[in-house]
């Protein structure tokens, strides 16, 4: 992810807590835990839409999103913009297969273009923009 190995590693770590924040067309923020947030490549993040009714409505209305991963004292924030809501294709099929093994149905997969990345870890670099 933008050649930031530590950021990518934390978002891919199943033990990290991942959250997504969206904003409604009325300007109201909405944050949920979304363990499916993943790195697709150095420029792209994704999340599986399983139960995300409010989040998905917000993404359709306001294409800006904040993705946060936290584990212990380490934390990174990715600000991103919606690229596409996938309901078929290779990425959708791959992610749907993973969720089917957990008896969950994926409605869609949202992809996001990475705009900015911040170190939000507890320490002297907290708040520092990395990209």
C-alpha atoms as a PDB file:
ATOM      1  CA  UNK A   1       0.000   0.000   0.000  1.00  0.00           C
ATOM      2  CA  UNK A   2       1.755   3.087  -1.293  1.00  0.00           C
ATOM      3  CA  UNK A   3       4.940   1.169  -0.337  1.00  0.00           C
ATOM      4  CA  UNK A   4       4.010   1.390   3.349  1.00  0.00           C
ATOM      5  CA  UNK A   5       4.570  -2.164   4.529  1.00  0.00           C
ATOM      6  CA  UNK A   6       3.599  -1.558   8.178  1.00  0.00           C
ATOM      7  CA  UNK A   7       0.251  -0.062   7.139  1.00  0.00           C
ATOM      8  CA  UNK A   8      -0.554  -2.911   4.791  1.00  0.00           C
ATOM      9  CA  UNK A   9       0.516  -5.486   7.377  1.00  0.00           C
ATOM     10  CA  UNK A  10      -1.774  -4.013  10.054  1.00  0.00           C
ATOM     11  CA  UNK A  11      -4.806  -3.887   7.733  1.00  0.00           C
ATOM     12  CA  UNK A  12      -4.143  -7.514   6.706  1.00  0.00           C
ATOM     13  CA  UNK A  13      -3.677  -8.704  10.309  1.00  0.00           C
ATOM     14  CA  UNK A  14      -6.780 -10.698  11.363  1.00  0.00           C
ATOM     15  CA  UNK A  15      -6.124  -9.689  14.996  1.00  0.00           C
ATOM     16  CA  UNK A  16      -6.352  -5.959  14.278  1.00  0.00           C
ATOM     17  CA  UNK A  17      -9.615  -4.073  14.771  1.00  0.00           C
ATOM     18  CA  UNK A  18     -10.752  -2.363  11.583  1.00  0.00           C
ATOM     19  CA  UNK A  19     -13.414   0.325  11.310  1.00  0.00           C
ATOM     20  CA  UNK A  20     -14.960   2.284   8.478  1.00  0.00           C
ATOM     21  CA  UNK A  21     -16.437   5.757   8.821  1.00  0.00           C
ATOM     22  CA  UNK A  22     -18.826   7.221   6.267  1.00  0.00           C
ATOM     23  CA  UNK A  23     -20.912  10.391   6.239  1.00  0.00           C
ATOM     24  CA  UNK A  24     -24.564  10.641   5.234  1.00  0.00           C
ATOM     25  CA  UNK A  25     -25.860  13.209   2.758  1.00  0.00           C
ATOM     26  CA  UNK A  26     -27.129  15.122   5.819  1.00  0.00           C
ATOM     27  CA  UNK A  27     -23.557  15.260   7.162  1.00  0.00           C
ATOM     28  CA  UNK A  28     -23.996  12.702   9.954  1.00  0.00           C
ATOM     29  CA  UNK A  29     -20.952  10.450  10.531  1.00  0.00           C
ATOM     30  CA  UNK A  30     -21.471   6.699  10.829  1.00  0.00           C
ATOM     31  CA  UNK A  31     -18.765   4.286  12.046  1.00  0.00           C
ATOM     32  CA  UNK A  32     -18.850   0.486  12.159  1.00  0.00           C
ATOM     33  CA  UNK A  33     -16.412  -2.330  12.783  1.00  0.00           C
ATOM     34  CA  UNK A  34     -15.667  -4.000   9.452  1.00  0.00           C
ATOM     35  CA  UNK A  35     -13.263  -6.894   9.734  1.00  0.00           C
ATOM     36  CA  UNK A  36     -13.346  -7.364   5.964  1.00  0.00           C
ATOM     37  CA  UNK A  37     -11.401  -4.165   5.205  1.00  0.00           C
ATOM     38  CA  UNK A  38      -8.462  -5.273   3.079  1.00  0.00           C
ATOM     39  CA  UNK A  39      -5.622  -4.057   0.918  1.00  0.00           C
ATOM     40  CA  UNK A  40      -6.131  -4.912  -2.760  1.00  0.00           C
ATOM     41  CA  UNK A  41      -2.927  -3.264  -4.007  1.00  0.00           C
ATOM     42  CA  UNK A  42      -0.777  -0.270  -3.103  1.00  0.00           C
ATOM     43  CA  UNK A  43      -3.431   2.151  -4.377  1.00  0.00           C
ATOM     44  CA  UNK A  44      -6.657   0.326  -3.520  1.00  0.00           C
ATOM     45  CA  UNK A  45      -8.547  -0.806  -0.414  1.00  0.00           C
ATOM     46  CA  UNK A  46     -11.757  -2.855  -0.305  1.00  0.00           C
ATOM     47  CA  UNK A  47     -14.528  -3.890   2.075  1.00  0.00           C
ATOM     48  CA  UNK A  48     -17.174  -6.585   1.738  1.00  0.00           C
ATOM     49  CA  UNK A  49     -20.772  -5.422   1.985  1.00  0.00           C
ATOM     50  CA  UNK A  50     -22.520  -8.000   4.135  1.00  0.00           C
ATOM     51  CA  UNK A  51     -24.781  -6.152   6.609  1.00  0.00           C
ATOM     52  CA  UNK A  52     -23.691  -2.579   5.807  1.00  0.00           C
ATOM     53  CA  UNK A  53     -27.065  -0.987   5.033  1.00  0.00           C
ATOM     54  CA  UNK A  54     -26.375   2.499   6.420  1.00  0.00           C
ATOM     55  CA  UNK A  55     -22.721   2.415   5.395  1.00  0.00           C
ATOM     56  CA  UNK A  56     -23.590   1.431   1.821  1.00  0.00           C
ATOM     57  CA  UNK A  57     -26.239   4.145   1.543  1.00  0.00           C
ATOM     58  CA  UNK A  58     -23.694   6.683   2.786  1.00  0.00           C
ATOM     59  CA  UNK A  59     -21.066   5.474   0.297  1.00  0.00           C
ATOM     60  CA  UNK A  60     -23.561   5.911  -2.535  1.00  0.00           C
ATOM     61  CA  UNK A  61     -24.255   9.500  -1.426  1.00  0.00           C
ATOM     62  CA  UNK A  62     -20.807  10.618  -0.234  1.00  0.00           C
ATOM     63  CA  UNK A  63     -17.833   8.900  -1.776  1.00  0.00           C
ATOM     64  CA  UNK A  64     -15.329   9.869   0.914  1.00  0.00           C
ATOM     65  CA  UNK A  65     -14.447   7.250   3.543  1.00  0.00           C
ATOM     66  CA  UNK A  66     -12.063   6.798   6.466  1.00  0.00           C
ATOM     67  CA  UNK A  67     -10.609   3.354   7.184  1.00  0.00           C
ATOM     68  CA  UNK A  68      -8.839   2.726  10.488  1.00  0.00           C
ATOM     69  CA  UNK A  69      -6.866  -0.301  11.715  1.00  0.00           C
ATOM     70  CA  UNK A  70      -5.769  -0.642  15.349  1.00  0.00           C
ATOM     71  CA  UNK A  71      -3.790  -3.259  17.250  1.00  0.00           C
ATOM     72  CA  UNK A  72      -2.395  -2.393  20.639  1.00  0.00           C
ATOM     73  CA  UNK A  73      -0.612   0.959  20.396  1.00  0.00           C
ATOM     74  CA  UNK A  74      -0.281   0.775  16.588  1.00  0.00           C
ATOM     75  CA  UNK A  75      -2.895   2.445  14.390  1.00  0.00           C
ATOM     76  CA  UNK A  76      -3.176   3.760  10.824  1.00  0.00           C
ATOM     77  CA  UNK A  77      -5.874   5.843   9.149  1.00  0.00           C
ATOM     78  CA  UNK A  78      -6.537   5.734   5.409  1.00  0.00           C
ATOM     79  CA  UNK A  79      -8.672   8.438   3.823  1.00  0.00           C
ATOM     80  CA  UNK A  80     -10.034   7.193   0.524  1.00  0.00           C
ATOM     81  CA  UNK A  81     -12.585   7.737  -2.234  1.00  0.00           C
ATOM     82  CA  UNK A  82     -15.056   5.187  -3.599  1.00  0.00           C
ATOM     83  CA  UNK A  83     -13.949   3.671  -6.891  1.00  0.00           C
ATOM     84  CA  UNK A  84     -16.715   1.150  -7.494  1.00  0.00           C
ATOM     85  CA  UNK A  85     -19.336  -1.142  -5.957  1.00  0.00           C
ATOM     86  CA  UNK A  86     -18.652  -4.601  -7.436  1.00  0.00           C
ATOM     87  CA  UNK A  87     -21.459  -7.159  -7.658  1.00  0.00           C
ATOM     88  CA  UNK A  88     -19.594  -9.566  -9.938  1.00  0.00           C
ATOM     89  CA  UNK A  89     -16.136 -10.215 -11.328  1.00  0.00           C
ATOM     90  CA  UNK A  90     -12.932 -11.723 -10.001  1.00  0.00           C
ATOM     91  CA  UNK A  91     -12.545  -9.670  -6.815  1.00  0.00           C
ATOM     92  CA  UNK A  92     -16.212 -10.159  -5.914  1.00  0.00           C
ATOM     93  CA  UNK A  93     -16.015 -13.916  -6.562  1.00  0.00           C
ATOM     94  CA  UNK A  94     -12.845 -14.329  -4.484  1.00  0.00           C
ATOM     95  CA  UNK A  95     -14.183 -12.417  -1.497  1.00  0.00           C
ATOM     96  CA  UNK A  96     -17.632 -14.035  -1.738  1.00  0.00           C
ATOM     97  CA  UNK A  97     -15.966 -17.448  -1.622  1.00  0.00           C
ATOM     98  CA  UNK A  98     -14.118 -16.568   1.583  1.00  0.00           C
ATOM     99  CA  UNK A  99     -17.324 -15.380   3.231  1.00  0.00           C
ATOM    100  CA  UNK A 100     -19.357 -18.355   2.032  1.00  0.00           C
ATOM    101  CA  UNK A 101     -17.019 -20.530   4.105  1.00  0.00           C
ATOM    102  CA  UNK A 102     -18.256 -18.547   7.153  1.00  0.00           C
ATOM    103  CA  UNK A 103     -21.922 -18.876   6.080  1.00  0.00           C
ATOM    104  CA  UNK A 104     -22.126 -15.193   5.121  1.00  0.00           C
ATOM    105  CA  UNK A 105     -23.464 -13.748   1.882  1.00  0.00           C
ATOM    106  CA  UNK A 106     -21.610 -10.831   0.301  1.00  0.00           C
ATOM    107  CA  UNK A 107     -23.974  -8.388  -1.419  1.00  0.00           C
ATOM    108  CA  UNK A 108     -21.133  -6.386  -2.998  1.00  0.00           C
ATOM    109  CA  UNK A 109     -17.501  -5.404  -2.617  1.00  0.00           C
ATOM    110  CA  UNK A 110     -16.651  -1.711  -2.414  1.00  0.00           C
ATOM    111  CA  UNK A 111     -13.238  -0.591  -3.668  1.00  0.00           C
ATOM    112  CA  UNK A 112     -11.579   2.676  -2.671  1.00  0.00           C
ATOM    113  CA  UNK A 113      -8.710   4.729  -4.080  1.00  0.00           C
ATOM    114  CA  UNK A 114      -6.243   5.632  -1.332  1.00  0.00           C
ATOM    115  CA  UNK A 115      -5.995   9.432  -0.936  1.00  0.00           C
ATOM    116  CA  UNK A 116      -3.992   9.925   2.279  1.00  0.00           C
ATOM    117  CA  UNK A 117      -2.503   7.744   5.004  1.00  0.00           C
ATOM    118  CA  UNK A 118      -1.805   8.811   8.591  1.00  0.00           C
ATOM    119  CA  UNK A 119       0.064   7.198  11.452  1.00  0.00           C
ATOM    120  CA  UNK A 120      -2.408   7.313  14.341  1.00  0.00           C
ATOM    121  CA  UNK A 121      -0.308   5.214  16.713  1.00  0.00           C
ATOM    122  CA  UNK A 122       0.175   6.275  20.303  1.00  0.00           C
ATOM    123  CA  UNK A 123       3.564   7.967  20.240  1.00  0.00           C
ATOM    124  CA  UNK A 124       5.541  10.821  18.760  1.00  0.00           C
ATOM    125  CA  UNK A 125       4.452  10.109  15.163  1.00  0.00           C
ATOM    126  CA  UNK A 126       0.729  10.138  16.016  1.00  0.00           C
ATOM    127  CA  UNK A 127      -1.090  12.244  13.434  1.00  0.00           C
ATOM    128  CA  UNK A 128       1.814  12.300  10.998  1.00  0.00           C
ATOM    129  CA  UNK A 129       0.803  12.032   7.344  1.00  0.00           C
ATOM    130  CA  UNK A 130       2.674   9.153   5.684  1.00  0.00           C
ATOM    131  CA  UNK A 131       1.229   9.595   2.220  1.00  0.00           C
END
